[in-house]
Each structure stands twice: as structure tokens, then as C-alpha cells.
């Protein structure tokens, strides 16, 4: 009887211990396999200007020929933009475009299949090419895995060490409490492999709310997205950062049905 009571006591003790173990952040659900159908693009989580919906923006857009707009320094693209010819990139240059940021990877499973052509054509047109990774960071371990996944593709494409690497941290499914910490882990690993210029991109709300801490990241290493209803060269925003993405609907008169994100490059990292 004593032995039975002792066993019951041990079992009760173990039950109390294990029932009070807190679930760690390592128990985040497994990352989905990212395909061409469910991939995300830079700026996809941004809130559109007040009073507009996506349809109305697509129907209007901002012409690259319009005067009075913020500087049109560089665009960013993904596979959603398709293959852009050398001639089309050269057309962009006529309107002041000097650089392009191309999506390379997302999470630990997606590689942009059009990146080789997009990079080659932009380079042939004389544009500065930078790249971005859409993050799914949870903890340091999986953040390093994402960085390694990106680095492997960069090596495969033989990208020079001067290439600017953008950490696109806007995904609400990440570990929000550790976005800054994980971004620094990502940056450190990228820099260890020789790519020294790492820039962190997100919406203005993530920076202002401290989800991404500019103090720790360095304002000079931050690219802020904020799309005013009527962006003007008389009111440039976020001039103390690396760059400002000020619209998502810029089009070029020569191909008006294709729209692009457009940014001003304050520190000339992207141009």
C-alpha cells in the first residue's frame, strides 16, 4: 500500500511539474511551403492611402512623367512584375530611375525563378541591383536558416559582395516580439559572409510602434514605407533614414498598364 501511495505521489508531482511548463516560442507553427501562388511581395502588408482601395489605385496611378513628385530613384520588383526587358529598364532610366531591388527569396523554401533574368537585364541596362528577402523569422535558429537559404541563392547567382541585402520584415505571422532581435541575427549572418550593407524594410507603423527598433537597427539602415494620398517633392518624409517608399502605383507612359513600387534614396545605398 505504501508503495502504491508513493507511486501516486510521484505521478501527481510530475503532473504538476509538466502542467506548469510554459510553451516556448520555439513551438511556433511550422512555416508554410512558399510557392509562386502564395508568395508575398515587398509592401504587401502596407495600408493603402486613406480613402482609396486597391482597385482605385490601379485605375489611376502616378505617371513617372508627372512633375512635383518626390524623387524617383529606384523601383522594387518580384516575379509578379514578370520579365522586364533591357529596353524597358532603359526606359525607366529616362525618368530618373537608377536602381532596382529584386525579390530573391521568402522564408526557407521560395526562390524567385525570374530573378536571374531580372538581374541580368537590369545590370545590362546600367541599373544598380539590390535584392530582398521576405522574412518569416520566429527564433534565432530559423532566422539563421532563412539567411543561409538566401545566401545560397546569392552565391548561385554570383552576386557581388557589394550587393545591398534588404530584410523585408512586415509579415504579421512572424514572432512580433522578436522582430528587431531576429533582424539583427539575420544582418549579422549576412555580413559574416561578406555582404556588408543590410537594410531593414517595413511600414512606418512597425517602426513607429517599435516592432522594428530604429535605435538598435540604425536609422541609416532603415527603409520606410509610407504612401501619402498625394506625395509631393515639397514634403519628403523620413529624410533621416536610408530610403522612403512613397507609392506603389508608379507607371511609365511607355508601358502604362504595369505599375511599380517607387522609392527615394536618401543615402544613395540603392543607386
C-alpha atoms as a PDB file:
ATOM      1  CA  UNK A   1       0.000   0.000   0.000  1.00  0.00           C
ATOM      2  CA  UNK A   2       2.842   2.392   0.892  1.00  0.00           C
ATOM      3  CA  UNK A   3       4.452   1.668  -2.474  1.00  0.00           C
ATOM      4  CA  UNK A   4       1.204   2.451  -4.296  1.00  0.00           C
ATOM      5  CA  UNK A   5       0.765   5.707  -2.380  1.00  0.00           C
ATOM      6  CA  UNK A   6       4.360   6.636  -3.134  1.00  0.00           C
ATOM      7  CA  UNK A   7       3.849   5.990  -6.841  1.00  0.00           C
ATOM      8  CA  UNK A   8       0.662   8.069  -6.827  1.00  0.00           C
ATOM      9  CA  UNK A   9       2.553  10.887  -5.117  1.00  0.00           C
ATOM     10  CA  UNK A  10       5.317  10.795  -7.719  1.00  0.00           C
ATOM     11  CA  UNK A  11       2.791  10.825 -10.551  1.00  0.00           C
ATOM     12  CA  UNK A  12       0.953  13.782  -9.026  1.00  0.00           C
ATOM     13  CA  UNK A  13       4.258  15.641  -8.636  1.00  0.00           C
ATOM     14  CA  UNK A  14       5.184  15.008 -12.257  1.00  0.00           C
ATOM     15  CA  UNK A  15       1.722  16.108 -13.404  1.00  0.00           C
ATOM     16  CA  UNK A  16       2.062  19.405 -11.547  1.00  0.00           C
ATOM     17  CA  UNK A  17       5.555  19.994 -12.956  1.00  0.00           C
ATOM     18  CA  UNK A  18       4.651  19.285 -16.568  1.00  0.00           C
ATOM     19  CA  UNK A  19       1.296  21.061 -16.456  1.00  0.00           C
ATOM     20  CA  UNK A  20       3.075  24.269 -15.423  1.00  0.00           C
ATOM     21  CA  UNK A  21       5.760  24.197 -18.110  1.00  0.00           C
ATOM     22  CA  UNK A  22       5.312  27.235 -20.313  1.00  0.00           C
ATOM     23  CA  UNK A  23       5.208  26.680 -24.036  1.00  0.00           C
ATOM     24  CA  UNK A  24       8.250  28.381 -25.532  1.00  0.00           C
ATOM     25  CA  UNK A  25       8.312  30.484 -28.654  1.00  0.00           C
ATOM     26  CA  UNK A  26      10.032  27.551 -30.374  1.00  0.00           C
ATOM     27  CA  UNK A  27       6.563  25.982 -30.681  1.00  0.00           C
ATOM     28  CA  UNK A  28       5.532  28.395 -33.427  1.00  0.00           C
ATOM     29  CA  UNK A  29       3.688  26.527 -36.149  1.00  0.00           C
ATOM     30  CA  UNK A  30       5.817  25.222 -38.975  1.00  0.00           C
ATOM     31  CA  UNK A  31       6.395  27.676 -41.776  1.00  0.00           C
ATOM     32  CA  UNK A  32       4.253  27.046 -44.831  1.00  0.00           C
ATOM     33  CA  UNK A  33       5.905  25.976 -48.042  1.00  0.00           C
ATOM     34  CA  UNK A  34       6.022  29.125 -50.141  1.00  0.00           C
ATOM     35  CA  UNK A  35       5.166  28.758 -53.818  1.00  0.00           C
ATOM     36  CA  UNK A  36       4.517  31.126 -56.693  1.00  0.00           C
ATOM     37  CA  UNK A  37       0.840  31.063 -55.721  1.00  0.00           C
ATOM     38  CA  UNK A  38       1.149  32.048 -52.041  1.00  0.00           C
ATOM     39  CA  UNK A  39       4.314  34.171 -52.014  1.00  0.00           C
ATOM     40  CA  UNK A  40       4.304  37.731 -50.682  1.00  0.00           C
ATOM     41  CA  UNK A  41       5.806  40.898 -52.117  1.00  0.00           C
ATOM     42  CA  UNK A  42       7.544  43.848 -50.515  1.00  0.00           C
ATOM     43  CA  UNK A  43       4.933  46.305 -49.273  1.00  0.00           C
ATOM     44  CA  UNK A  44       2.124  43.778 -49.448  1.00  0.00           C
ATOM     45  CA  UNK A  45       1.153  44.393 -45.820  1.00  0.00           C
ATOM     46  CA  UNK A  46       1.093  48.184 -46.113  1.00  0.00           C
ATOM     47  CA  UNK A  47      -2.111  50.134 -45.546  1.00  0.00           C
ATOM     48  CA  UNK A  48      -3.273  51.995 -48.632  1.00  0.00           C
ATOM     49  CA  UNK A  49      -3.733  55.779 -48.511  1.00  0.00           C
ATOM     50  CA  UNK A  50      -6.923  56.791 -46.720  1.00  0.00           C
ATOM     51  CA  UNK A  51      -9.960  56.939 -48.968  1.00  0.00           C
ATOM     52  CA  UNK A  52      -8.529  54.632 -51.603  1.00  0.00           C
ATOM     53  CA  UNK A  53      -8.836  50.949 -52.246  1.00  0.00           C
ATOM     54  CA  UNK A  54      -6.516  48.845 -54.368  1.00  0.00           C
ATOM     55  CA  UNK A  55      -8.820  48.974 -57.364  1.00  0.00           C
ATOM     56  CA  UNK A  56      -8.970  52.767 -57.444  1.00  0.00           C
ATOM     57  CA  UNK A  57      -5.176  52.988 -57.205  1.00  0.00           C
ATOM     58  CA  UNK A  58      -4.713  50.571 -60.098  1.00  0.00           C
ATOM     59  CA  UNK A  59      -7.127  52.603 -62.216  1.00  0.00           C
ATOM     60  CA  UNK A  60      -5.254  55.856 -61.645  1.00  0.00           C
ATOM     61  CA  UNK A  61      -1.628  55.536 -60.641  1.00  0.00           C
ATOM     62  CA  UNK A  62       1.161  58.084 -60.741  1.00  0.00           C
ATOM     63  CA  UNK A  63       2.920  58.726 -64.016  1.00  0.00           C
ATOM     64  CA  UNK A  64       6.702  58.782 -63.961  1.00  0.00           C
ATOM     65  CA  UNK A  65       6.409  61.889 -66.147  1.00  0.00           C
ATOM     66  CA  UNK A  66       4.487  63.890 -63.515  1.00  0.00           C
ATOM     67  CA  UNK A  67       6.391  66.873 -62.076  1.00  0.00           C
ATOM     68  CA  UNK A  68       6.245  67.796 -58.415  1.00  0.00           C
ATOM     69  CA  UNK A  69       6.606  64.265 -57.073  1.00  0.00           C
ATOM     70  CA  UNK A  70       9.294  63.003 -54.652  1.00  0.00           C
ATOM     71  CA  UNK A  71      12.496  61.808 -56.300  1.00  0.00           C
ATOM     72  CA  UNK A  72      12.047  58.671 -58.384  1.00  0.00           C
ATOM     73  CA  UNK A  73      15.304  56.897 -57.562  1.00  0.00           C
ATOM     74  CA  UNK A  74      14.598  53.171 -57.562  1.00  0.00           C
ATOM     75  CA  UNK A  75      11.858  50.584 -58.014  1.00  0.00           C
ATOM     76  CA  UNK A  76      11.415  47.178 -56.414  1.00  0.00           C
ATOM     77  CA  UNK A  77      10.131  44.102 -58.235  1.00  0.00           C
ATOM     78  CA  UNK A  78       9.305  40.427 -57.778  1.00  0.00           C
ATOM     79  CA  UNK A  79       8.189  37.632 -60.091  1.00  0.00           C
ATOM     80  CA  UNK A  80       4.758  39.338 -60.125  1.00  0.00           C
ATOM     81  CA  UNK A  81       6.297  42.004 -62.356  1.00  0.00           C
ATOM     82  CA  UNK A  82       7.323  39.404 -64.911  1.00  0.00           C
ATOM     83  CA  UNK A  83      10.434  39.570 -67.052  1.00  0.00           C
ATOM     84  CA  UNK A  84      11.344  43.198 -67.697  1.00  0.00           C
ATOM     85  CA  UNK A  85      13.405  43.690 -70.840  1.00  0.00           C
ATOM     86  CA  UNK A  86      16.655  45.629 -71.058  1.00  0.00           C
ATOM     87  CA  UNK A  87      14.829  48.203 -73.195  1.00  0.00           C
ATOM     88  CA  UNK A  88      12.131  48.648 -70.540  1.00  0.00           C
ATOM     89  CA  UNK A  89      14.738  49.160 -67.829  1.00  0.00           C
ATOM     90  CA  UNK A  90      16.466  51.692 -70.088  1.00  0.00           C
ATOM     91  CA  UNK A  91      13.130  53.480 -70.455  1.00  0.00           C
ATOM     92  CA  UNK A  92      12.878  53.708 -66.659  1.00  0.00           C
ATOM     93  CA  UNK A  93      16.308  55.356 -66.583  1.00  0.00           C
ATOM     94  CA  UNK A  94      14.973  58.198 -68.746  1.00  0.00           C
ATOM     95  CA  UNK A  95      12.689  59.128 -65.847  1.00  0.00           C
ATOM     96  CA  UNK A  96      15.466  59.134 -63.266  1.00  0.00           C
ATOM     97  CA  UNK A  97      15.407  55.521 -62.093  1.00  0.00           C
ATOM     98  CA  UNK A  98      18.922  54.473 -61.117  1.00  0.00           C
ATOM     99  CA  UNK A  99      18.391  51.229 -59.204  1.00  0.00           C
ATOM    100  CA  UNK A 100      16.144  48.206 -58.726  1.00  0.00           C
ATOM    101  CA  UNK A 101      15.577  45.966 -55.692  1.00  0.00           C
ATOM    102  CA  UNK A 102      14.679  42.425 -56.763  1.00  0.00           C
ATOM    103  CA  UNK A 103      12.990  39.787 -54.612  1.00  0.00           C
ATOM    104  CA  UNK A 104      15.202  36.732 -54.292  1.00  0.00           C
ATOM    105  CA  UNK A 105      13.732  34.543 -51.555  1.00  0.00           C
ATOM    106  CA  UNK A 106      10.973  34.093 -48.981  1.00  0.00           C
ATOM    107  CA  UNK A 107      11.124  32.067 -45.796  1.00  0.00           C
ATOM    108  CA  UNK A 108      13.205  28.944 -46.258  1.00  0.00           C
ATOM    109  CA  UNK A 109      11.508  27.483 -49.332  1.00  0.00           C
ATOM    110  CA  UNK A 110      10.842  30.053 -52.094  1.00  0.00           C
ATOM    111  CA  UNK A 111      13.254  31.316 -54.743  1.00  0.00           C
ATOM    112  CA  UNK A 112      12.171  33.841 -57.359  1.00  0.00           C
ATOM    113  CA  UNK A 113      12.514  31.877 -60.629  1.00  0.00           C
ATOM    114  CA  UNK A 114      12.706  35.076 -62.694  1.00  0.00           C
ATOM    115  CA  UNK A 115      15.483  36.635 -60.617  1.00  0.00           C
ATOM    116  CA  UNK A 116      18.340  35.548 -62.932  1.00  0.00           C
ATOM    117  CA  UNK A 117      16.754  37.273 -65.949  1.00  0.00           C
ATOM    118  CA  UNK A 118      15.597  40.297 -63.954  1.00  0.00           C
ATOM    119  CA  UNK A 119      19.090  40.801 -62.536  1.00  0.00           C
ATOM    120  CA  UNK A 120      20.807  40.310 -65.899  1.00  0.00           C
ATOM    121  CA  UNK A 121      18.517  42.730 -67.739  1.00  0.00           C
ATOM    122  CA  UNK A 122      18.736  45.425 -65.048  1.00  0.00           C
ATOM    123  CA  UNK A 123      22.520  45.099 -64.994  1.00  0.00           C
ATOM    124  CA  UNK A 124      22.740  45.323 -68.779  1.00  0.00           C
ATOM    125  CA  UNK A 125      20.635  48.492 -68.628  1.00  0.00           C
ATOM    126  CA  UNK A 126      23.111  50.059 -66.216  1.00  0.00           C
ATOM    127  CA  UNK A 127      20.947  49.997 -63.076  1.00  0.00           C
ATOM    128  CA  UNK A 128      22.305  49.200 -59.625  1.00  0.00           C
ATOM    129  CA  UNK A 129      20.834  45.869 -58.489  1.00  0.00           C
ATOM    130  CA  UNK A 130      19.955  45.163 -54.855  1.00  0.00           C
ATOM    131  CA  UNK A 131      17.969  42.190 -53.536  1.00  0.00           C
ATOM    132  CA  UNK A 132      15.400  41.488 -50.838  1.00  0.00           C
ATOM    133  CA  UNK A 133      14.288  38.573 -48.676  1.00  0.00           C
ATOM    134  CA  UNK A 134      10.709  38.331 -47.343  1.00  0.00           C
ATOM    135  CA  UNK A 135      11.106  37.222 -43.732  1.00  0.00           C
ATOM    136  CA  UNK A 136       9.255  34.619 -41.665  1.00  0.00           C
ATOM    137  CA  UNK A 137      11.522  34.940 -38.595  1.00  0.00           C
ATOM    138  CA  UNK A 138      10.454  33.310 -35.304  1.00  0.00           C
ATOM    139  CA  UNK A 139      13.606  32.491 -33.348  1.00  0.00           C
ATOM    140  CA  UNK A 140      17.337  32.878 -33.917  1.00  0.00           C
ATOM    141  CA  UNK A 141      17.722  29.321 -35.214  1.00  0.00           C
ATOM    142  CA  UNK A 142      15.180  29.540 -38.010  1.00  0.00           C
ATOM    143  CA  UNK A 143      16.246  33.117 -38.787  1.00  0.00           C
ATOM    144  CA  UNK A 144      19.745  31.802 -39.487  1.00  0.00           C
ATOM    145  CA  UNK A 145      18.236  29.099 -41.695  1.00  0.00           C
ATOM    146  CA  UNK A 146      16.453  31.752 -43.752  1.00  0.00           C
ATOM    147  CA  UNK A 147      19.665  33.758 -44.046  1.00  0.00           C
ATOM    148  CA  UNK A 148      21.535  30.659 -45.204  1.00  0.00           C
ATOM    149  CA  UNK A 149      18.794  29.895 -47.740  1.00  0.00           C
ATOM    150  CA  UNK A 150      19.140  33.413 -49.156  1.00  0.00           C
ATOM    151  CA  UNK A 151      22.942  33.281 -49.172  1.00  0.00           C
ATOM    152  CA  UNK A 152      22.920  30.008 -51.094  1.00  0.00           C
ATOM    153  CA  UNK A 153      20.810  31.588 -53.845  1.00  0.00           C
ATOM    154  CA  UNK A 154      23.009  34.688 -53.885  1.00  0.00           C
ATOM    155  CA  UNK A 155      26.082  32.506 -54.361  1.00  0.00           C
ATOM    156  CA  UNK A 156      24.295  30.536 -57.070  1.00  0.00           C
ATOM    157  CA  UNK A 157      23.640  33.813 -58.898  1.00  0.00           C
ATOM    158  CA  UNK A 158      27.222  35.000 -58.259  1.00  0.00           C
ATOM    159  CA  UNK A 159      26.073  38.304 -56.789  1.00  0.00           C
ATOM    160  CA  UNK A 160      28.999  40.575 -55.862  1.00  0.00           C
ATOM    161  CA  UNK A 161      29.735  41.361 -52.211  1.00  0.00           C
ATOM    162  CA  UNK A 162      28.776  44.982 -52.881  1.00  0.00           C
ATOM    163  CA  UNK A 163      25.127  43.917 -53.308  1.00  0.00           C
ATOM    164  CA  UNK A 164      22.720  45.584 -50.867  1.00  0.00           C
ATOM    165  CA  UNK A 165      20.633  42.990 -48.986  1.00  0.00           C
ATOM    166  CA  UNK A 166      17.178  44.035 -47.765  1.00  0.00           C
ATOM    167  CA  UNK A 167      15.447  42.327 -44.852  1.00  0.00           C
ATOM    168  CA  UNK A 168      11.741  42.718 -45.680  1.00  0.00           C
ATOM    169  CA  UNK A 169      10.178  42.427 -42.214  1.00  0.00           C
ATOM    170  CA  UNK A 170       6.457  43.122 -42.486  1.00  0.00           C
ATOM    171  CA  UNK A 171       4.949  39.657 -42.039  1.00  0.00           C
ATOM    172  CA  UNK A 172       2.339  39.632 -39.211  1.00  0.00           C
ATOM    173  CA  UNK A 173       2.801  35.863 -38.847  1.00  0.00           C
ATOM    174  CA  UNK A 174       6.344  36.317 -37.527  1.00  0.00           C
ATOM    175  CA  UNK A 175       7.258  36.352 -33.831  1.00  0.00           C
ATOM    176  CA  UNK A 176       6.331  40.015 -33.399  1.00  0.00           C
ATOM    177  CA  UNK A 177       8.058  40.328 -30.032  1.00  0.00           C
ATOM    178  CA  UNK A 178      11.412  39.426 -31.582  1.00  0.00           C
ATOM    179  CA  UNK A 179      11.349  41.143 -34.973  1.00  0.00           C
ATOM    180  CA  UNK A 180      14.187  43.531 -34.119  1.00  0.00           C
ATOM    181  CA  UNK A 181      16.268  40.860 -32.398  1.00  0.00           C
ATOM    182  CA  UNK A 182      15.837  38.418 -35.276  1.00  0.00           C
ATOM    183  CA  UNK A 183      16.545  41.135 -37.839  1.00  0.00           C
ATOM    184  CA  UNK A 184      19.890  41.748 -36.157  1.00  0.00           C
ATOM    185  CA  UNK A 185      20.613  37.997 -36.192  1.00  0.00           C
ATOM    186  CA  UNK A 186      19.830  37.974 -39.926  1.00  0.00           C
ATOM    187  CA  UNK A 187      22.034  41.029 -40.510  1.00  0.00           C
ATOM    188  CA  UNK A 188      24.964  39.540 -38.624  1.00  0.00           C
ATOM    189  CA  UNK A 189      24.862  36.303 -40.599  1.00  0.00           C
ATOM    190  CA  UNK A 190      24.620  38.100 -43.953  1.00  0.00           C
ATOM    191  CA  UNK A 191      27.566  40.307 -43.011  1.00  0.00           C
ATOM    192  CA  UNK A 192      29.630  37.334 -41.851  1.00  0.00           C
ATOM    193  CA  UNK A 193      29.527  36.082 -45.430  1.00  0.00           C
ATOM    194  CA  UNK A 194      30.849  39.375 -46.783  1.00  0.00           C
ATOM    195  CA  UNK A 195      27.699  41.281 -47.749  1.00  0.00           C
ATOM    196  CA  UNK A 196      28.209  44.304 -45.523  1.00  0.00           C
ATOM    197  CA  UNK A 197      25.250  46.508 -46.492  1.00  0.00           C
ATOM    198  CA  UNK A 198      21.997  45.255 -44.944  1.00  0.00           C
ATOM    199  CA  UNK A 199      18.880  47.451 -44.920  1.00  0.00           C
ATOM    200  CA  UNK A 200      15.671  46.747 -42.979  1.00  0.00           C
ATOM    201  CA  UNK A 201      12.355  47.478 -44.728  1.00  0.00           C
ATOM    202  CA  UNK A 202       8.892  47.801 -43.212  1.00  0.00           C
ATOM    203  CA  UNK A 203       5.834  50.021 -42.946  1.00  0.00           C
ATOM    204  CA  UNK A 204       6.004  53.249 -40.979  1.00  0.00           C
ATOM    205  CA  UNK A 205       3.674  51.767 -38.337  1.00  0.00           C
ATOM    206  CA  UNK A 206       6.084  48.938 -37.488  1.00  0.00           C
ATOM    207  CA  UNK A 207       8.878  51.443 -36.979  1.00  0.00           C
ATOM    208  CA  UNK A 208       6.781  53.962 -35.031  1.00  0.00           C
ATOM    209  CA  UNK A 209       5.327  51.245 -32.777  1.00  0.00           C
ATOM    210  CA  UNK A 210       8.781  49.852 -32.033  1.00  0.00           C
ATOM    211  CA  UNK A 211       8.192  46.441 -33.596  1.00  0.00           C
ATOM    212  CA  UNK A 212      11.324  47.320 -35.526  1.00  0.00           C
ATOM    213  CA  UNK A 213      13.534  49.432 -33.258  1.00  0.00           C
ATOM    214  CA  UNK A 214      15.347  52.077 -35.318  1.00  0.00           C
ATOM    215  CA  UNK A 215      17.612  52.885 -32.393  1.00  0.00           C
ATOM    216  CA  UNK A 216      19.054  49.369 -32.456  1.00  0.00           C
ATOM    217  CA  UNK A 217      18.972  48.933 -36.224  1.00  0.00           C
ATOM    218  CA  UNK A 218      20.268  52.418 -37.022  1.00  0.00           C
ATOM    219  CA  UNK A 219      18.117  54.898 -38.938  1.00  0.00           C
ATOM    220  CA  UNK A 220      20.677  54.856 -41.720  1.00  0.00           C
ATOM    221  CA  UNK A 221      19.890  51.156 -42.183  1.00  0.00           C
ATOM    222  CA  UNK A 222      16.096  51.534 -42.408  1.00  0.00           C
ATOM    223  CA  UNK A 223      13.863  51.858 -45.482  1.00  0.00           C
ATOM    224  CA  UNK A 224      10.407  53.139 -44.537  1.00  0.00           C
ATOM    225  CA  UNK A 225       7.193  52.584 -46.493  1.00  0.00           C
ATOM    226  CA  UNK A 226       4.523  55.268 -46.247  1.00  0.00           C
ATOM    227  CA  UNK A 227       2.239  56.072 -49.162  1.00  0.00           C
ATOM    228  CA  UNK A 228       0.623  59.539 -48.860  1.00  0.00           C
ATOM    229  CA  UNK A 229      -2.555  60.278 -50.789  1.00  0.00           C
ATOM    230  CA  UNK A 230      -0.764  62.970 -52.791  1.00  0.00           C
ATOM    231  CA  UNK A 231       3.034  62.564 -52.451  1.00  0.00           C
ATOM    232  CA  UNK A 232       4.926  65.773 -53.156  1.00  0.00           C
ATOM    233  CA  UNK A 233       8.519  66.880 -53.541  1.00  0.00           C
ATOM    234  CA  UNK A 234       7.582  69.740 -51.199  1.00  0.00           C
ATOM    235  CA  UNK A 235       7.005  67.299 -48.338  1.00  0.00           C
ATOM    236  CA  UNK A 236       9.553  64.452 -48.400  1.00  0.00           C
ATOM    237  CA  UNK A 237       9.143  62.048 -45.483  1.00  0.00           C
ATOM    238  CA  UNK A 238      11.645  60.036 -43.419  1.00  0.00           C
ATOM    239  CA  UNK A 239      14.620  62.010 -44.677  1.00  0.00           C
ATOM    240  CA  UNK A 240      16.698  60.815 -41.701  1.00  0.00           C
ATOM    241  CA  UNK A 241      16.560  57.202 -42.928  1.00  0.00           C
ATOM    242  CA  UNK A 242      18.166  55.320 -45.818  1.00  0.00           C
ATOM    243  CA  UNK A 243      15.153  55.480 -48.128  1.00  0.00           C
ATOM    244  CA  UNK A 244      11.429  56.161 -48.365  1.00  0.00           C
ATOM    245  CA  UNK A 245       8.986  54.091 -50.416  1.00  0.00           C
ATOM    246  CA  UNK A 246       6.323  56.677 -51.272  1.00  0.00           C
ATOM    247  CA  UNK A 247       3.982  54.930 -53.724  1.00  0.00           C
ATOM    248  CA  UNK A 248       3.033  51.510 -55.041  1.00  0.00           C
ATOM    249  CA  UNK A 249       1.409  52.565 -58.305  1.00  0.00           C
ATOM    250  CA  UNK A 250       4.015  54.338 -60.418  1.00  0.00           C
ATOM    251  CA  UNK A 251       3.711  53.673 -64.138  1.00  0.00           C
ATOM    252  CA  UNK A 252       5.788  54.673 -67.138  1.00  0.00           C
ATOM    253  CA  UNK A 253       3.982  56.239 -70.126  1.00  0.00           C
ATOM    254  CA  UNK A 254       5.625  53.753 -72.495  1.00  0.00           C
ATOM    255  CA  UNK A 255       4.007  50.808 -70.644  1.00  0.00           C
ATOM    256  CA  UNK A 256       1.124  52.309 -68.620  1.00  0.00           C
ATOM    257  CA  UNK A 257      -0.537  49.050 -67.576  1.00  0.00           C
ATOM    258  CA  UNK A 258       2.467  47.936 -65.495  1.00  0.00           C
ATOM    259  CA  UNK A 259       2.804  49.530 -62.070  1.00  0.00           C
ATOM    260  CA  UNK A 260       5.757  49.608 -59.689  1.00  0.00           C
ATOM    261  CA  UNK A 261       6.687  50.491 -56.135  1.00  0.00           C
ATOM    262  CA  UNK A 262       8.820  53.631 -56.156  1.00  0.00           C
ATOM    263  CA  UNK A 263      11.261  54.998 -53.572  1.00  0.00           C
ATOM    264  CA  UNK A 264      13.524  57.952 -52.827  1.00  0.00           C
ATOM    265  CA  UNK A 265      17.113  57.032 -51.979  1.00  0.00           C
ATOM    266  CA  UNK A 266      18.410  59.475 -49.359  1.00  0.00           C
ATOM    267  CA  UNK A 267      21.792  57.878 -48.641  1.00  0.00           C
ATOM    268  CA  UNK A 268      22.432  56.537 -52.157  1.00  0.00           C
ATOM    269  CA  UNK A 269      22.661  52.950 -50.947  1.00  0.00           C
ATOM    270  CA  UNK A 270      20.381  51.756 -53.747  1.00  0.00           C
ATOM    271  CA  UNK A 271      21.654  53.927 -56.569  1.00  0.00           C
END
